[in-house]
């Protein structure tokens, strides 16, 4: 296990800066996930850690040793890519041990390490098969095993589950979580899938446009997002955003008037509430409940029945859809008019720039 630190790390291609000053501390044994939309810089940052991309400026250290100019093979890092990149003419055993043979590791040691990795990944019965005889999930486990046998200080995963179907992705998420627990390894993992991030990470790094928007545990980011982007990116289904205008209340407490929802009024508590300021009210689907004091008058467009829960997609007039999670969806139907209630204390408030107001 090793610690990794990025200090004002930047990456430019000519005059285009794609990583714009990243500061990050990754503790020994942590599972850290870089997440964000396509083009946000998460894979570029991972490749810089691996040494596959040069660092334009800033410092990368592993266990307090500066690694900017250290050859990738000497950084103590193993990387698992989106593509399995297995040699089709080699067996699983040969694929897993190839890098060790290339490095001149004794045959007995290679066999020991391959068998250990195969045991961890439950690949023992498959060691003499070739890649074409394996499923996608099995091939990905072989690719992970190829990394394990190197005994790296840090594992890097670059969207390793993107090529798998939905059921296999769920299974492999469980496998990777189990692997992390078993090895107590330091893992840096890149994905665009926030569900993967939420289920795997000790710490999530949310990126946008080469900038780190927020760092925290999955539930910290879910419950306490710093801005509108993080609030909308973390959570599935995503948070509902309602356009509002701050107005002074009758008793001194301000409220937000929602022009798109029949001028519904939502009580708010802010340290500084500026009358007339435009804000965005964020409310998660699960925060709608029958006892809430804030009410939205909505008409159901569509229902998603998932068995134990139902998601109702509703709107006011021709406004934006609002997603409501309910346990009592069996009695609802499309076209029903509903009074969607929620507790104003659950609502998050953002200013016109997207910054969270508190």
Protein backbone atom coordinates (compact mmCIF):
# COMPACT_ATOMS: atom_id res chain seq x y z
CA UNK A 1 0.00 0.00 0.00
CA UNK A 2 1.23 3.47 -0.84
CA UNK A 3 0.21 7.08 -0.60
CA UNK A 4 -0.13 9.27 -3.66
CA UNK A 5 -0.15 13.06 -3.84
CA UNK A 6 -0.87 15.48 -6.67
CA UNK A 7 0.21 19.10 -6.16
CA UNK A 8 -1.04 21.73 -8.66
CA UNK A 9 -0.79 19.16 -11.48
CA UNK A 10 -1.47 20.59 -14.94
CA UNK A 11 -1.50 19.20 -18.46
CA UNK A 12 -1.42 21.20 -21.69
CA UNK A 13 -1.40 20.23 -25.34
CA UNK A 14 0.15 23.24 -27.00
CA UNK A 15 -1.93 26.20 -25.89
CA UNK A 16 -4.83 24.04 -24.67
CA UNK A 17 -4.83 23.32 -20.94
CA UNK A 18 -6.87 20.19 -20.19
CA UNK A 19 -5.91 19.60 -16.53
CA UNK A 20 -6.06 22.87 -14.67
CA UNK A 21 -4.25 22.57 -11.37
CA UNK A 22 -5.32 19.45 -9.47
CA UNK A 23 -4.44 19.05 -5.78
CA UNK A 24 -5.26 15.67 -4.30
CA UNK A 25 -4.10 13.41 -1.46
CA UNK A 26 -4.80 9.68 -1.72
CA UNK A 27 -4.12 7.75 1.47
CA UNK A 28 -2.63 4.29 1.65
CA UNK A 29 -5.31 1.65 1.11
CA UNK A 30 -7.96 4.09 -0.15
CA UNK A 31 -10.29 3.31 -3.05
CA UNK A 32 -10.55 6.63 -4.91
CA UNK A 33 -12.82 7.09 -7.93
CA UNK A 34 -12.45 9.85 -10.53
CA UNK A 35 -15.87 10.54 -11.98
CA UNK A 36 -17.25 13.07 -14.42
CA UNK A 37 -18.68 13.48 -17.93
CA UNK A 38 -16.77 12.54 -21.08
CA UNK A 39 -13.93 14.96 -21.75
CA UNK A 40 -13.60 16.15 -18.15
CA UNK A 41 -9.95 14.97 -17.91
CA UNK A 42 -10.32 11.99 -15.59
CA UNK A 43 -8.58 9.45 -17.89
CA UNK A 44 -5.87 11.98 -18.78
CA UNK A 45 -5.17 12.47 -15.07
CA UNK A 46 -5.00 8.70 -14.54
CA UNK A 47 -2.55 8.35 -17.43
CA UNK A 48 -0.39 11.08 -15.91
CA UNK A 49 -0.25 9.10 -12.66
CA UNK A 50 0.72 6.00 -14.66
CA UNK A 51 3.42 7.90 -16.56
CA UNK A 52 1.74 7.43 -19.95
CA UNK A 53 1.25 11.21 -20.24
CA UNK A 54 3.84 13.83 -19.28
CA UNK A 55 2.99 16.28 -16.51
CA UNK A 56 3.27 19.83 -17.85
CA UNK A 57 3.69 21.34 -14.37
CA UNK A 58 3.13 20.42 -10.75
CA UNK A 59 4.32 17.40 -8.77
CA UNK A 60 3.28 13.76 -8.52
CA UNK A 61 4.66 11.91 -5.50
CA UNK A 62 4.28 8.32 -4.35
CA UNK A 63 5.37 7.70 -0.76
CA UNK A 64 6.94 11.19 -0.76
CA UNK A 65 9.14 10.39 -3.80
CA UNK A 66 8.69 12.68 -6.81
CA UNK A 67 7.64 10.59 -9.81
CA UNK A 68 7.30 13.14 -12.62
CA UNK A 69 10.33 11.89 -14.51
CA UNK A 70 10.37 8.26 -13.33
CA UNK A 71 9.79 5.63 -16.03
CA UNK A 72 6.27 4.09 -15.85
CA UNK A 73 7.71 0.62 -15.27
CA UNK A 74 9.51 1.84 -12.13
CA UNK A 75 6.63 3.63 -10.44
CA UNK A 76 5.23 0.51 -8.79
CA UNK A 77 1.92 0.92 -10.58
CA UNK A 78 -0.25 -1.61 -12.43
CA UNK A 79 -3.01 -0.45 -14.77
CA UNK A 80 -6.18 -2.22 -15.91
CA UNK A 81 -7.62 -0.76 -19.12
CA UNK A 82 -11.11 -0.66 -20.60
CA UNK A 83 -10.04 -3.23 -23.21
CA UNK A 84 -8.79 -6.52 -21.81
CA UNK A 85 -5.72 -6.53 -24.12
CA UNK A 86 -5.12 -10.27 -23.65
CA UNK A 87 -2.86 -12.21 -25.99
CA UNK A 88 -5.26 -14.53 -27.88
CA UNK A 89 -2.64 -17.24 -28.50
CA UNK A 90 -1.69 -17.50 -24.81
CA UNK A 91 -3.49 -19.30 -22.01
CA UNK A 92 -4.81 -17.48 -18.96
CA UNK A 93 -1.76 -18.66 -17.04
CA UNK A 94 0.59 -17.33 -19.72
CA UNK A 95 -1.25 -14.02 -20.02
CA UNK A 96 -1.08 -13.41 -16.28
CA UNK A 97 2.60 -14.24 -16.05
CA UNK A 98 3.80 -12.56 -19.24
CA UNK A 99 5.01 -9.28 -17.68
CA UNK A 100 6.90 -11.23 -15.01
CA UNK A 101 8.61 -13.42 -17.60
CA UNK A 102 9.53 -10.33 -19.58
CA UNK A 103 11.05 -8.84 -16.40
CA UNK A 104 13.15 -11.97 -15.81
CA UNK A 105 11.35 -13.16 -12.67
CA UNK A 106 12.25 -16.81 -11.87
CA UNK A 107 9.80 -19.41 -13.16
CA UNK A 108 8.95 -20.74 -9.69
CA UNK A 109 8.11 -17.24 -8.44
CA UNK A 110 5.94 -16.58 -11.50
CA UNK A 111 4.01 -19.78 -10.89
CA UNK A 112 3.52 -18.90 -7.23
CA UNK A 113 2.23 -15.40 -8.00
CA UNK A 114 -0.08 -16.56 -10.80
CA UNK A 115 -1.57 -19.25 -8.58
CA UNK A 116 -2.08 -16.75 -5.74
CA UNK A 117 -3.84 -14.28 -8.06
CA UNK A 118 -5.93 -17.07 -9.61
CA UNK A 119 -7.05 -18.10 -6.13
CA UNK A 120 -8.06 -14.55 -5.22
CA UNK A 121 -10.01 -14.11 -8.48
CA UNK A 122 -11.38 -17.68 -8.60
CA UNK A 123 -9.64 -18.33 -11.92
CA UNK A 124 -8.01 -21.65 -10.97
CA UNK A 125 -10.14 -23.87 -13.27
CA UNK A 126 -9.58 -21.47 -16.18
CA UNK A 127 -5.78 -21.21 -16.12
CA UNK A 128 -5.25 -23.43 -19.16
CA UNK A 129 -7.98 -21.85 -21.31
CA UNK A 130 -7.39 -19.22 -23.97
CA UNK A 131 -9.21 -15.85 -24.02
CA UNK A 132 -11.68 -16.91 -26.73
CA UNK A 133 -12.98 -19.58 -24.35
CA UNK A 134 -13.81 -17.02 -21.64
CA UNK A 135 -16.77 -14.73 -20.99
CA UNK A 136 -16.31 -10.96 -20.81
CA UNK A 137 -16.32 -10.99 -17.04
CA UNK A 138 -13.74 -13.78 -16.93
CA UNK A 139 -11.49 -11.90 -19.36
CA UNK A 140 -11.69 -8.81 -17.17
CA UNK A 141 -10.70 -10.89 -14.15
CA UNK A 142 -7.69 -12.17 -16.07
CA UNK A 143 -6.71 -8.57 -16.86
CA UNK A 144 -6.99 -7.74 -13.15
CA UNK A 145 -4.97 -10.87 -12.29
CA UNK A 146 -2.23 -9.73 -14.66
CA UNK A 147 -2.01 -6.56 -12.54
CA UNK A 148 -2.10 -8.39 -9.19
CA UNK A 149 0.85 -10.66 -9.97
CA UNK A 150 3.11 -7.62 -10.29
CA UNK A 151 2.54 -6.78 -6.60
CA UNK A 152 2.12 -3.07 -7.40
CA UNK A 153 2.04 -0.24 -4.89
CA UNK A 154 -1.03 1.24 -6.59
CA UNK A 155 -3.70 -0.18 -8.91
CA UNK A 156 -5.11 2.06 -11.65
CA UNK A 157 -8.41 1.14 -13.35
CA UNK A 158 -9.51 3.01 -16.48
CA UNK A 159 -13.25 2.35 -17.02
CA UNK A 160 -12.71 -1.43 -16.70
CA UNK A 161 -16.41 -2.37 -16.83
CA UNK A 162 -17.52 -0.34 -19.85
CA UNK A 163 -17.44 -3.34 -22.21
CA UNK A 164 -19.63 -5.54 -20.00
CA UNK A 165 -23.41 -5.90 -20.04
CA UNK A 166 -25.48 -4.57 -17.12
CA UNK A 167 -25.64 -7.83 -15.16
CA UNK A 168 -21.91 -8.46 -15.49
CA UNK A 169 -21.11 -4.88 -14.45
CA UNK A 170 -22.99 -5.42 -11.19
CA UNK A 171 -21.17 -8.72 -10.60
CA UNK A 172 -17.75 -7.21 -11.38
CA UNK A 173 -18.40 -4.23 -9.08
CA UNK A 174 -18.87 -6.73 -6.27
CA UNK A 175 -15.72 -8.60 -7.32
CA UNK A 176 -13.61 -5.42 -7.39
CA UNK A 177 -14.95 -4.30 -3.99
CA UNK A 178 -14.11 -7.72 -2.57
CA UNK A 179 -10.65 -7.57 -4.13
CA UNK A 180 -9.95 -4.18 -2.55
CA UNK A 181 -10.99 -5.47 0.86
CA UNK A 182 -8.92 -8.64 0.50
CA UNK A 183 -5.74 -6.93 -0.74
CA UNK A 184 -6.12 -3.68 1.27
CA UNK A 185 -4.77 -2.09 -1.90
CA UNK A 186 -4.55 1.56 -2.91
CA UNK A 187 -6.82 1.86 -5.96
CA UNK A 188 -7.48 4.79 -8.30
CA UNK A 189 -10.46 4.08 -10.53
CA UNK A 190 -11.90 6.09 -13.43
CA UNK A 191 -15.52 5.86 -14.55
CA UNK A 192 -18.25 8.02 -16.08
CA UNK A 193 -20.84 5.92 -14.23
CA UNK A 194 -21.76 7.60 -10.95
CA UNK A 195 -23.45 4.37 -9.71
CA UNK A 196 -20.05 2.63 -9.92
CA UNK A 197 -18.51 5.56 -8.08
CA UNK A 198 -21.12 5.50 -5.31
CA UNK A 199 -20.91 1.74 -4.75
CA UNK A 200 -17.13 1.30 -4.92
CA UNK A 201 -15.41 4.40 -3.59
CA UNK A 202 -14.06 5.39 -0.20
CA UNK A 203 -13.58 8.81 -1.76
CA UNK A 204 -14.99 10.31 -4.97
CA UNK A 205 -13.27 13.03 -7.01
CA UNK A 206 -15.84 14.81 -9.19
CA UNK A 207 -14.26 16.46 -12.23
CA UNK A 208 -15.50 18.86 -14.89
CA UNK A 209 -13.46 20.62 -17.58
CA UNK A 210 -10.10 19.62 -16.08
CA UNK A 211 -11.02 20.97 -12.65
CA UNK A 212 -11.87 19.10 -9.44
CA UNK A 213 -15.35 20.27 -8.43
CA UNK A 214 -15.55 18.40 -5.11
CA UNK A 215 -13.88 15.58 -3.17
CA UNK A 216 -15.57 13.51 -0.49
CA UNK A 217 -17.12 10.22 0.49
CA UNK A 218 -20.08 9.04 -1.64
CA UNK A 219 -22.67 10.03 0.97
CA UNK A 220 -20.97 13.37 1.66
CA UNK A 221 -21.28 14.30 -2.00
CA UNK A 222 -24.83 13.00 -2.16
CA UNK A 223 -26.05 14.79 0.98
CA UNK A 224 -23.91 17.92 0.81
CA UNK A 225 -22.95 18.84 -2.78
CA UNK A 226 -20.93 22.04 -3.16
CA UNK A 227 -22.59 23.18 -6.36
CA UNK A 228 -25.32 22.53 -8.91
CA UNK A 229 -23.08 20.35 -11.10
CA UNK A 230 -22.18 17.91 -8.31
CA UNK A 231 -25.78 17.84 -7.08
CA UNK A 232 -27.00 16.89 -10.56
CA UNK A 233 -24.23 14.42 -11.34
CA UNK A 234 -24.33 12.38 -8.13
CA UNK A 235 -27.56 10.44 -7.64
CA UNK A 236 -29.77 8.24 -9.81
CA UNK A 237 -32.39 9.32 -10.71
CA UNK A 238 -30.84 12.78 -10.63
CA UNK A 239 -31.93 15.59 -8.36
CA UNK A 240 -34.92 17.71 -9.44
CA UNK A 241 -34.09 21.37 -10.07
CA UNK A 242 -36.83 23.98 -9.70
CA UNK A 243 -36.40 27.61 -10.78
CA UNK A 244 -37.22 30.05 -7.99
CA UNK A 245 -37.15 33.71 -6.95
CA UNK A 246 -36.45 34.76 -3.36
CA UNK A 247 -39.16 36.86 -1.74
CA UNK A 248 -39.53 38.21 1.81
CA UNK A 249 -41.96 36.25 3.97
CA UNK A 250 -44.84 37.59 6.02
CA UNK A 251 -43.21 36.70 9.32
CA UNK A 252 -39.69 37.71 8.36
CA UNK A 253 -38.68 34.27 7.06
CA UNK A 254 -38.03 34.41 3.29
CA UNK A 255 -39.45 31.96 0.77
CA UNK A 256 -38.74 30.96 -2.81
CA UNK A 257 -41.54 31.49 -5.29
CA UNK A 258 -41.61 28.93 -8.11
CA UNK A 259 -42.94 30.64 -11.29
CA UNK A 260 -43.00 27.37 -13.27
CA UNK A 261 -45.08 25.58 -10.63
CA UNK A 262 -48.09 27.85 -10.18
CA UNK A 263 -46.10 30.31 -8.01
CA UNK A 264 -45.82 27.72 -5.24
CA UNK A 265 -43.97 29.13 -2.22
CA UNK A 266 -41.18 27.16 -0.53
CA UNK A 267 -39.93 28.38 2.90
CA UNK A 268 -36.15 28.68 2.95
CA UNK A 269 -33.49 29.28 5.57
CA UNK A 270 -30.42 31.14 4.40
CA UNK A 271 -27.86 33.23 6.24
CA UNK A 272 -28.23 35.87 3.54
CA UNK A 273 -31.39 35.86 1.43
CA UNK A 274 -31.50 38.63 -1.18
CA UNK A 275 -35.08 39.46 -2.27
CA UNK A 276 -35.47 39.21 -6.02
CA UNK A 277 -32.46 36.91 -6.46
CA UNK A 278 -32.96 33.98 -8.82
CA UNK A 279 -32.15 30.61 -7.30
CA UNK A 280 -32.45 26.93 -8.09
CA UNK A 281 -34.18 24.66 -5.59
CA UNK A 282 -32.87 21.08 -5.57
CA UNK A 283 -35.00 18.23 -4.25
CA UNK A 284 -34.19 14.53 -4.58
CA UNK A 285 -36.91 12.10 -5.75
CA UNK A 286 -36.93 10.18 -2.45
CA UNK A 287 -37.57 13.34 -0.42
CA UNK A 288 -41.18 13.57 -1.59
CA UNK A 289 -43.50 12.26 1.11
CA UNK A 290 -47.09 12.67 2.27
CA UNK A 291 -46.20 14.66 5.39
CA UNK A 292 -44.18 17.42 3.69
CA UNK A 293 -45.35 21.01 4.10
CA UNK A 294 -44.21 22.22 0.65
CA UNK A 295 -46.61 21.30 -2.15
CA UNK A 296 -46.25 21.12 -5.94
CA UNK A 297 -49.39 20.75 -8.06
CA UNK A 298 -48.38 18.23 -10.75
CA UNK A 299 -49.86 15.91 -13.37
CA UNK A 300 -48.28 12.48 -13.94
CA UNK A 301 -46.86 11.91 -17.43
CA UNK A 302 -45.39 8.46 -16.95
CA UNK A 303 -44.81 5.82 -14.28
CA UNK A 304 -41.88 3.42 -13.81
CA UNK A 305 -42.98 0.48 -11.65
CA UNK A 306 -39.92 -1.29 -10.22
CA UNK A 307 -41.75 -3.59 -7.83
CA UNK A 308 -40.99 -2.26 -4.36
CA UNK A 309 -40.93 1.35 -5.55
CA UNK A 310 -42.33 3.50 -8.31
CA UNK A 311 -40.91 6.57 -10.02
CA UNK A 312 -43.55 9.05 -11.17
CA UNK A 313 -42.54 11.54 -13.86
CA UNK A 314 -44.83 14.54 -13.49
CA UNK A 315 -45.00 18.19 -14.52
CA UNK A 316 -46.96 21.37 -13.95
CA UNK A 317 -48.55 22.43 -17.24
CA UNK A 318 -45.82 22.24 -19.89
CA UNK A 319 -42.98 22.70 -17.42
CA UNK A 320 -39.98 20.51 -16.69
CA UNK A 321 -40.49 16.93 -15.51
CA UNK A 322 -40.23 16.27 -11.79
CA UNK A 323 -39.22 12.77 -10.68
CA UNK A 324 -40.99 11.49 -7.56
CA UNK A 325 -40.10 8.26 -5.76
CA UNK A 326 -43.01 6.59 -3.98
CA UNK A 327 -43.76 3.28 -2.30
CA UNK A 328 -47.45 3.72 -3.08
CA UNK A 329 -47.32 3.80 -6.85
CA UNK A 330 -49.69 0.92 -7.60
CA UNK A 331 -52.74 3.16 -7.28
CA UNK A 332 -51.36 5.85 -9.62
CA UNK A 333 -51.88 6.16 -13.36
CA UNK A 334 -50.78 8.46 -16.14
CA UNK A 335 -52.84 11.66 -16.19
CA UNK A 336 -53.48 11.69 -12.44
CA UNK A 337 -53.19 15.08 -10.77
CA UNK A 338 -51.13 14.88 -7.57
CA UNK A 339 -50.13 17.20 -4.75
CA UNK A 340 -46.45 16.30 -4.45
CA UNK A 341 -45.31 17.12 -0.93
CA UNK A 342 -41.79 17.44 0.45
CA UNK A 343 -40.08 18.82 3.55
CA UNK A 344 -38.49 22.22 2.72
CA UNK A 345 -35.62 21.34 5.08
CA UNK A 346 -34.55 18.67 2.54
CA UNK A 347 -34.28 21.20 -0.28
CA UNK A 348 -30.88 22.51 -1.41
CA UNK A 349 -30.54 26.04 -2.76
CA UNK A 350 -28.13 27.25 -5.44
CA UNK A 351 -27.49 30.75 -6.75
CA UNK A 352 -27.46 31.81 -10.41
CA UNK A 353 -23.81 30.74 -10.80
CA UNK A 354 -24.56 27.24 -9.46
CA UNK A 355 -22.88 27.78 -6.08
CA UNK A 356 -24.58 26.24 -3.07
CA UNK A 357 -26.24 28.73 -0.71
CA UNK A 358 -26.34 27.82 2.97
